[in-house]
Protein backbone atom coordinates (compact mmCIF):
# COMPACT_ATOMS: atom_id res chain seq x y z
CA MET A 1 122.97 141.18 116.20
CA ILE A 2 124.04 143.69 113.09
CA HIS A 3 126.27 141.45 110.73
CA CYS A 4 128.32 142.06 107.41
CA PRO A 5 126.27 141.43 105.09
CA ALA A 6 129.37 140.10 102.74
CA CYS A 7 131.23 137.83 105.30
CA LEU A 8 128.51 137.76 108.59
CA ASN A 9 131.37 139.23 110.40
CA THR A 10 130.20 140.95 113.88
CA ASN A 11 133.20 142.75 114.47
CA LEU A 12 132.32 146.30 113.12
CA GLU A 13 133.64 149.76 113.22
CA ILE A 14 130.93 152.50 112.82
CA ILE A 15 132.57 155.46 110.40
CA TYR A 16 130.27 158.28 110.03
CA ARG A 17 126.12 158.65 110.24
CA PHE A 18 124.95 160.61 107.84
CA GLY A 19 120.49 162.25 108.65
CA LYS A 20 118.21 161.56 106.25
CA ALA A 21 118.68 161.30 102.09
CA PRO A 22 117.06 161.05 99.04
CA ILE A 23 116.14 157.11 98.40
CA PHE A 24 116.78 157.50 94.91
CA ASN A 25 119.20 159.61 93.18
CA HIS A 26 117.50 158.56 90.02
CA VAL A 27 114.69 158.91 90.12
CA PHE A 28 112.88 162.28 89.21
CA PHE A 29 109.34 164.32 90.11
CA ASP A 30 107.08 165.89 87.76
CA SER A 31 106.39 168.51 90.52
CA ARG A 32 108.46 170.39 92.54
CA ASP A 33 106.00 169.57 95.45
CA THR A 34 106.40 166.05 95.09
CA ALA A 35 109.92 166.27 94.54
CA LYS A 36 110.20 168.06 98.24
CA LYS A 37 108.23 165.18 99.59
CA ALA A 38 110.57 162.17 98.12
CA LYS A 39 111.21 159.36 100.54
CA SER A 40 114.49 159.74 102.50
CA GLY A 41 116.49 157.24 104.67
CA ALA A 42 119.09 157.59 107.16
CA ILE A 43 122.99 156.23 106.63
CA GLU A 44 124.80 154.67 109.00
CA LEU A 45 128.15 153.83 107.58
CA ARG A 46 130.03 150.52 109.11
CA GLY A 47 133.33 148.76 108.24
CA CYS A 48 133.57 145.44 108.74
CA ARG A 49 137.02 144.26 110.28
CA GLY A 50 137.07 140.84 108.87
CA CYS A 51 136.57 141.31 104.92
CA GLY A 52 137.21 145.00 104.71
CA LEU A 53 133.36 146.02 103.16
CA VAL A 54 131.92 149.80 103.94
CA PHE A 55 128.08 149.14 104.35
CA ASN A 56 125.08 150.86 105.37
CA ALA A 57 124.35 148.87 108.46
CA ILE A 58 120.46 151.13 108.67
CA PHE A 59 119.46 150.35 104.69
CA SER A 60 116.13 149.25 104.54
CA SER A 61 115.33 147.13 100.91
CA ARG A 62 111.92 148.33 101.73
CA LEU A 63 111.97 151.42 100.90
CA ALA A 64 114.81 150.83 97.57
CA ARG A 65 112.19 149.52 95.04
CA TYR A 66 113.35 149.63 91.74
CA THR A 67 110.58 150.30 88.54
CA GLU A 68 111.23 151.73 85.07
CA HIS A 69 110.85 154.97 86.80
CA TYR A 70 114.68 154.43 87.81
CA ASP A 71 116.66 156.02 85.43
CA ASN A 72 120.60 156.23 85.58
CA THR A 73 121.30 156.10 82.58
CA GLN A 74 124.66 158.09 81.43
CA ASN A 75 124.98 157.32 77.48
CA TYR A 76 124.09 160.98 76.98
CA SER A 77 127.75 161.59 77.34
CA LYS A 78 129.82 160.76 74.63
CA PHE A 79 132.94 160.33 76.90
CA PHE A 80 131.03 157.57 79.05
CA THR A 81 129.50 155.86 75.99
CA ALA A 82 133.18 155.61 74.09
CA PHE A 83 134.17 153.99 77.62
CA SER A 84 131.78 151.39 77.46
CA GLU A 85 132.01 151.08 73.87
CA LYS A 86 135.66 150.28 74.70
CA LEU A 87 134.59 148.06 77.30
CA ALA A 88 132.32 145.90 75.29
CA GLN A 89 134.78 145.62 72.34
CA ASP A 90 137.90 144.40 74.89
CA LEU A 91 135.21 141.97 76.58
CA VAL A 92 134.51 140.46 73.54
CA ARG A 93 137.93 140.05 71.96
CA LYS A 94 139.27 138.66 75.01
CA TYR A 95 136.43 136.19 75.84
CA ASP A 96 135.40 135.39 72.25
CA LEU A 97 131.63 136.00 73.58
CA LYS A 98 130.48 136.15 69.99
CA ASN A 99 130.67 132.22 70.71
CA LYS A 100 129.28 132.24 74.35
CA ASN A 101 126.27 132.25 76.40
CA ILE A 102 126.06 135.82 77.96
CA VAL A 103 123.80 136.73 80.55
CA GLU A 104 124.06 140.32 82.28
CA VAL A 105 122.39 141.00 85.80
CA GLY A 106 121.55 144.74 86.30
CA CYS A 107 121.29 145.65 83.01
CA GLY A 108 119.13 149.11 83.01
CA LYS A 109 117.61 150.60 80.14
CA GLY A 110 119.88 148.08 78.25
CA ASN A 111 122.46 150.10 76.85
CA PHE A 112 125.24 147.97 77.27
CA VAL A 113 123.16 144.83 75.90
CA GLU A 114 122.77 146.84 72.69
CA ILE A 115 126.60 147.52 72.00
CA LEU A 116 126.97 144.02 72.75
CA TYR A 117 124.58 143.16 70.09
CA ASP A 118 125.71 145.57 67.95
CA LEU A 119 129.31 143.83 67.89
CA GLY A 120 128.03 140.42 67.14
CA VAL A 121 126.66 139.15 70.06
CA LYS A 122 123.32 137.74 70.26
CA ASN A 123 122.85 134.67 72.45
CA MET A 124 122.38 136.92 75.97
CA VAL A 125 120.40 137.90 77.97
CA GLY A 126 119.72 141.07 80.35
CA PHE A 127 118.01 141.30 83.68
CA ASP A 128 116.26 144.60 85.47
CA PRO A 129 113.01 145.74 86.67
CA ALA A 130 114.00 149.24 85.37
CA TYR A 131 114.12 148.75 81.71
CA THR A 132 111.56 150.21 79.83
CA ASP A 133 110.21 148.32 76.35
CA TYR A 134 111.24 151.30 73.93
CA ASN A 135 114.03 149.39 72.10
CA PRO A 136 112.56 147.07 69.66
CA LYS A 137 116.32 145.65 68.75
CA ILE A 138 116.98 144.30 72.25
CA ASP A 139 113.32 143.86 73.82
CA ARG A 140 113.33 140.37 73.43
CA LEU A 141 116.59 139.84 75.05
CA VAL A 142 115.72 141.69 78.43
CA VAL A 143 113.42 140.18 81.61
CA LYS A 144 111.71 143.36 83.17
CA LYS A 145 112.18 141.73 86.39
CA TYR A 146 115.09 141.23 89.19
CA PHE A 147 117.46 138.69 88.25
CA ASN A 148 116.27 135.50 88.91
CA LYS A 149 118.26 131.98 88.86
CA ASN A 150 115.47 130.01 88.21
CA THR A 151 114.92 131.53 84.93
CA ILE A 152 118.21 130.51 83.50
CA LYS A 153 117.90 127.30 81.41
CA LYS A 154 121.20 126.98 80.44
CA LYS A 155 124.13 127.56 82.90
CA ALA A 156 126.08 131.26 81.49
CA ASP A 157 129.49 131.04 80.07
CA PHE A 158 129.88 134.80 81.17
CA ILE A 159 128.43 136.89 83.23
CA ILE A 160 128.18 140.44 83.46
CA CYS A 161 127.39 142.98 86.40
CA ARG A 162 128.15 146.75 86.01
CA HIS A 163 127.06 149.00 88.85
CA THR A 164 124.40 146.66 90.42
CA LEU A 165 126.73 145.07 93.20
CA GLU A 166 126.34 148.14 95.59
CA HIS A 167 122.94 148.45 95.02
CA ILE A 168 122.31 144.89 96.54
CA PRO A 169 121.72 144.57 100.57
CA LYS A 170 122.48 140.77 100.94
CA PRO A 171 125.77 140.64 98.65
CA LYS A 172 127.12 137.04 99.85
CA GLU A 173 123.47 135.17 99.10
CA PHE A 174 123.44 137.56 95.55
CA ILE A 175 127.23 135.89 94.47
CA ALA A 176 125.84 132.83 95.71
CA SER A 177 123.14 132.98 93.47
CA ILE A 178 124.29 134.24 90.81
CA VAL A 179 127.58 132.00 90.40
CA SER A 180 125.09 128.73 90.28
CA CYS A 181 124.09 129.69 86.79
CA LEU A 182 127.65 130.24 85.59
CA ALA A 183 129.26 127.13 83.81
CA GLU A 184 131.80 125.64 85.42
CA ASP A 185 134.67 127.10 82.94
CA GLY A 186 132.83 130.32 83.34
CA LYS A 187 134.00 134.06 83.29
CA MET A 188 132.29 137.22 85.27
CA TYR A 189 132.82 140.91 84.98
CA PHE A 190 131.62 143.24 87.46
CA GLU A 191 132.12 146.92 87.67
CA MET A 192 131.65 149.17 90.48
CA PRO A 193 132.15 152.58 92.55
CA ASP A 194 135.77 152.51 94.00
CA LEU A 195 135.75 153.09 97.57
CA GLU A 196 139.73 154.02 97.69
CA TRP A 197 139.26 156.55 94.86
CA ILE A 198 136.05 158.05 96.87
CA VAL A 199 138.23 158.16 99.79
CA LYS A 200 141.34 159.64 98.07
CA ASN A 201 139.53 162.24 95.90
CA LYS A 202 137.50 162.72 99.69
CA THR A 203 133.92 162.62 97.20
CA PHE A 204 131.42 162.45 100.30
CA PHE A 205 128.65 162.99 97.92
CA ASP A 206 129.06 159.33 96.53
CA PHE A 207 128.08 158.14 99.67
CA THR A 208 124.52 157.74 98.75
CA TYR A 209 120.90 155.51 100.26
CA GLU A 210 120.89 153.67 97.18
CA HIS A 211 124.43 152.36 97.17
CA CYS A 212 123.96 150.37 100.41
CA ASN A 213 127.79 148.51 99.80
CA TYR A 214 131.05 150.24 99.35
CA PHE A 215 134.04 147.76 97.72
CA THR A 216 137.90 147.95 97.25
CA PRO A 217 139.73 145.04 95.64
CA HIS A 218 140.07 143.92 99.41
CA SER A 219 136.89 143.28 100.33
CA LEU A 220 135.60 142.47 96.90
CA TYR A 221 137.87 139.59 96.26
CA ASN A 222 136.88 138.26 99.73
CA LEU A 223 133.39 137.57 99.09
CA PHE A 224 134.24 136.10 96.00
CA ALA A 225 136.92 133.96 97.05
CA GLN A 226 134.11 132.57 99.82
CA PHE A 227 132.95 130.79 95.86
CA GLY A 228 136.01 129.49 95.32
CA PHE A 229 136.92 132.96 92.79
CA LYS A 230 140.55 133.17 93.89
CA HIS A 231 141.56 134.28 90.68
CA ILE A 232 140.43 138.37 89.59
CA THR A 233 142.18 140.38 87.27
CA PHE A 234 141.99 144.01 89.10
CA LYS A 235 141.42 147.30 86.85
CA LYS A 236 140.55 150.68 87.21
CA GLY A 237 138.33 152.31 84.83
CA LEU A 238 136.99 155.90 84.08
CA ASP A 239 140.06 157.86 84.99
CA GLY A 240 140.49 155.33 88.61
CA GLN A 241 136.49 155.61 89.83
CA TYR A 242 135.54 152.00 88.92
CA ILE A 243 136.53 148.73 89.95
CA GLN A 244 136.65 146.32 86.57
CA ALA A 245 137.13 142.86 87.90
CA GLU A 246 137.49 139.91 85.23
CA ILE A 247 136.75 137.18 87.97
CA SER A 248 137.44 133.11 87.29
CA ARG A 249 138.31 129.64 89.48
CA GLY A 250 141.30 129.64 88.04
CA LYS A 251 144.69 130.20 90.01
CA PRO A 252 144.62 132.32 93.19
CA ASN A 253 145.74 135.63 93.03
CA THR A 254 149.40 136.53 94.51
CA ALA A 255 148.82 140.24 95.18
CA ARG A 256 147.37 140.81 98.70
CA TYR A 257 145.11 144.05 98.83
CA LYS A 258 144.42 146.44 102.04
CA SER A 259 141.28 147.72 103.52
CA VAL A 260 141.06 151.41 103.37
CA SER A 261 141.35 153.62 107.11
CA PHE A 262 138.18 153.53 108.36
CA ALA A 263 138.99 156.40 110.20
CA LYS A 264 140.47 158.20 107.55
CA THR A 265 136.74 157.63 105.69
CA GLY A 266 135.17 159.06 108.29
CA ALA A 267 137.13 162.06 108.90
CA PHE A 268 137.21 163.14 105.28
CA ILE A 269 133.38 162.86 104.95
CA SER A 270 133.10 165.41 108.27
CA SER A 271 135.91 167.81 106.63
CA SER A 272 134.91 168.04 103.11
CA ILE A 273 131.18 168.84 103.78
CA GLY A 274 132.24 172.14 105.39
CA ARG A 275 134.82 172.45 102.81
CA ALA A 276 132.27 172.38 100.43
CA ALA A 277 129.26 174.28 102.20
CA ARG A 278 131.66 176.91 102.00
CA MET A 279 132.56 176.41 98.41
CA VAL A 280 129.31 176.87 97.95
CA LYS A 281 128.66 179.98 100.28
CA GLY A 282 131.18 181.90 98.19
CA ALA A 283 130.43 180.71 94.65
CA GLY A 284 127.59 183.28 94.15
CA ARG A 285 124.63 182.55 91.66
CA PHE A 286 125.64 179.09 90.61
CA ILE A 287 124.64 176.01 88.87
CA VAL A 288 125.30 172.42 89.34
CA TRP A 289 125.80 170.29 86.12
CA GLY A 290 125.28 167.01 86.81
CA ALA A 291 121.49 165.64 88.33
CA GLY A 292 122.51 162.31 88.97
CA GLY A 293 123.41 160.74 92.20
CA LYS A 294 126.52 163.03 92.83
CA GLY A 295 124.27 166.32 92.10
CA VAL A 296 121.37 164.67 94.36
CA PHE A 297 123.63 163.69 97.36
CA PHE A 298 125.54 166.79 96.99
CA LEU A 299 122.99 169.50 97.27
CA ASN A 300 120.83 167.31 99.50
CA ARG A 301 123.49 166.82 102.01
CA LEU A 302 124.35 170.21 101.94
CA LYS A 303 120.81 171.73 101.89
CA VAL A 304 121.04 173.88 99.30
CA ASP A 305 117.31 174.01 98.07
CA TYR A 306 115.68 175.32 94.80
CA LYS A 307 115.69 178.81 96.46
CA ARG A 308 119.64 179.02 96.58
CA CYS A 309 120.14 177.44 92.99
CA ASP A 310 117.07 176.46 91.20
CA ARG A 311 118.28 174.45 88.63
CA VAL A 312 120.72 172.32 87.76
CA ILE A 313 122.01 171.27 84.08
CA ASP A 314 121.85 167.54 82.73
CA ILE A 315 122.07 166.17 79.09
CA ASN A 316 119.50 163.22 79.58
CA LYS A 317 116.95 164.43 77.63
CA SER A 318 114.30 162.24 79.90
CA GLN A 319 114.85 164.64 82.86
CA HIS A 320 113.95 167.74 81.63
CA GLY A 321 111.54 169.79 83.48
CA ARG A 322 111.37 166.93 85.93
CA TYR A 323 113.08 167.84 89.52
CA ILE A 324 115.50 166.15 91.74
CA PRO A 325 114.15 164.19 94.81
CA GLY A 326 114.85 166.31 98.47
CA THR A 327 115.86 169.94 97.71
CA ALA A 328 113.72 169.83 94.14
CA GLN A 329 116.08 172.07 91.91
CA GLN A 330 114.67 171.67 88.04
CA VAL A 331 116.77 169.79 85.27
CA VAL A 332 117.03 171.92 82.48
CA ALA A 333 119.07 171.59 78.99
CA PRO A 334 122.68 172.87 79.10
CA ASN A 335 121.19 175.82 76.57
CA VAL A 336 119.54 177.58 79.85
CA LEU A 337 123.16 179.05 79.61
CA ASN A 338 122.15 181.15 76.80
CA ASP A 339 120.13 183.24 79.48
CA GLY A 340 123.35 184.18 81.58
CA GLY A 341 123.13 185.29 84.81
CA VAL A 342 125.43 182.25 86.02
CA ASP A 343 128.71 183.14 87.73
CA SER A 344 129.91 179.36 88.14
CA ILE A 345 128.99 175.91 87.41
CA ILE A 346 129.83 173.46 90.03
CA ILE A 347 130.96 169.88 87.81
CA MET A 348 130.20 166.83 89.89
CA ASN A 349 132.42 164.51 88.30
CA PRO A 350 136.12 165.46 86.85
CA VAL A 351 135.83 163.37 83.90
CA TYR A 352 133.59 165.70 82.27
CA LYS A 353 135.31 168.68 82.51
CA LYS A 354 136.58 169.29 79.22
CA GLU A 355 133.08 167.79 77.36
CA ILE A 356 131.06 170.01 79.87
CA SER A 357 133.24 172.87 79.57
CA GLN A 358 133.37 172.80 75.47
CA SER A 359 129.43 172.68 75.79
CA ALA A 360 128.91 175.23 78.59
CA ARG A 361 131.32 177.85 76.24
CA SER A 362 129.20 177.00 73.29
CA PHE A 363 126.43 178.49 74.66
CA GLY A 364 128.04 181.51 75.63
CA PHE A 365 128.83 180.87 79.43
CA LYS A 366 132.07 183.15 80.80
CA GLY A 367 132.14 182.33 84.06
CA LYS A 368 134.19 179.63 85.84
CA PHE A 369 134.40 176.13 86.25
CA VAL A 370 134.52 174.72 90.29
CA VAL A 371 135.16 170.68 90.19
CA VAL A 372 134.00 169.03 93.08
């Protein structure tokens, strides 16, 4: 019997079944042939009628093992870098992090660790198997392994976990492990995609294999409340796309949160895929801008392979010349637009429209922009 991984409830509702999709959206390949053969997995979205969590009921952690080849770095974008820097400044000021013992769980390539370090936070450690030892400034601060509570010798005053919880197949066990390392008066900051935003904006391509959980303030509150953390300040980041949760053991929230409609979620996925397919069909000679999670799943779900669209633009230099999984488009730099031959650019994330359009025009692009 399938249980909700957040509350162990068995009262579940099937929302939508996707066919197979690439396991990872952020692992790229050196050749088109290997990209076409990338591992894939199916998605069966279920909603928990108890706590409100939406999750992939047939997710396999054996398929999704993170290594240094995984790269979801977004700091090449000035917009995203500014967002992260502002967040770090706010946390340092509000919680006096310069004088605290800090742990970041799922620190990726260490970008946020470095931002905090530059702000004067020196007593911290980050965990992530995807970290590559390329930054001598913070190498000693990062453990290139999955988080393990047994490696924490001194309880943390503040724990940061950004864009990691949605990747964890057993979130209840994960949170239990994390809070066991937190000081009695400690605080936490968690950040993740907001399912409410996904449903409202009908972005079916935000349902990916590597994201096995989809949270709302309602389901996130219910998860942490099980461990006595009932004082949560919720904010929305990146123009509403992210849940930003500041969590402590203080006075319980008085606000009441609602679950998303599971029926409406399934209905929007089906209709949005059809609408996107029609849009692509009429887009002429197009190119997708954004080789990250959204772009990979968009192209794979619509079955737009390299014969229909042979390239994807991204500003992450480490991806240039490589190929995305499944549909096998080559990742190229924006200057490819100098060559012409592109009628429209499909922008995968609306928050980057201004940044993308300015860059594209600087390379002589005169076509239209389509934001999905």
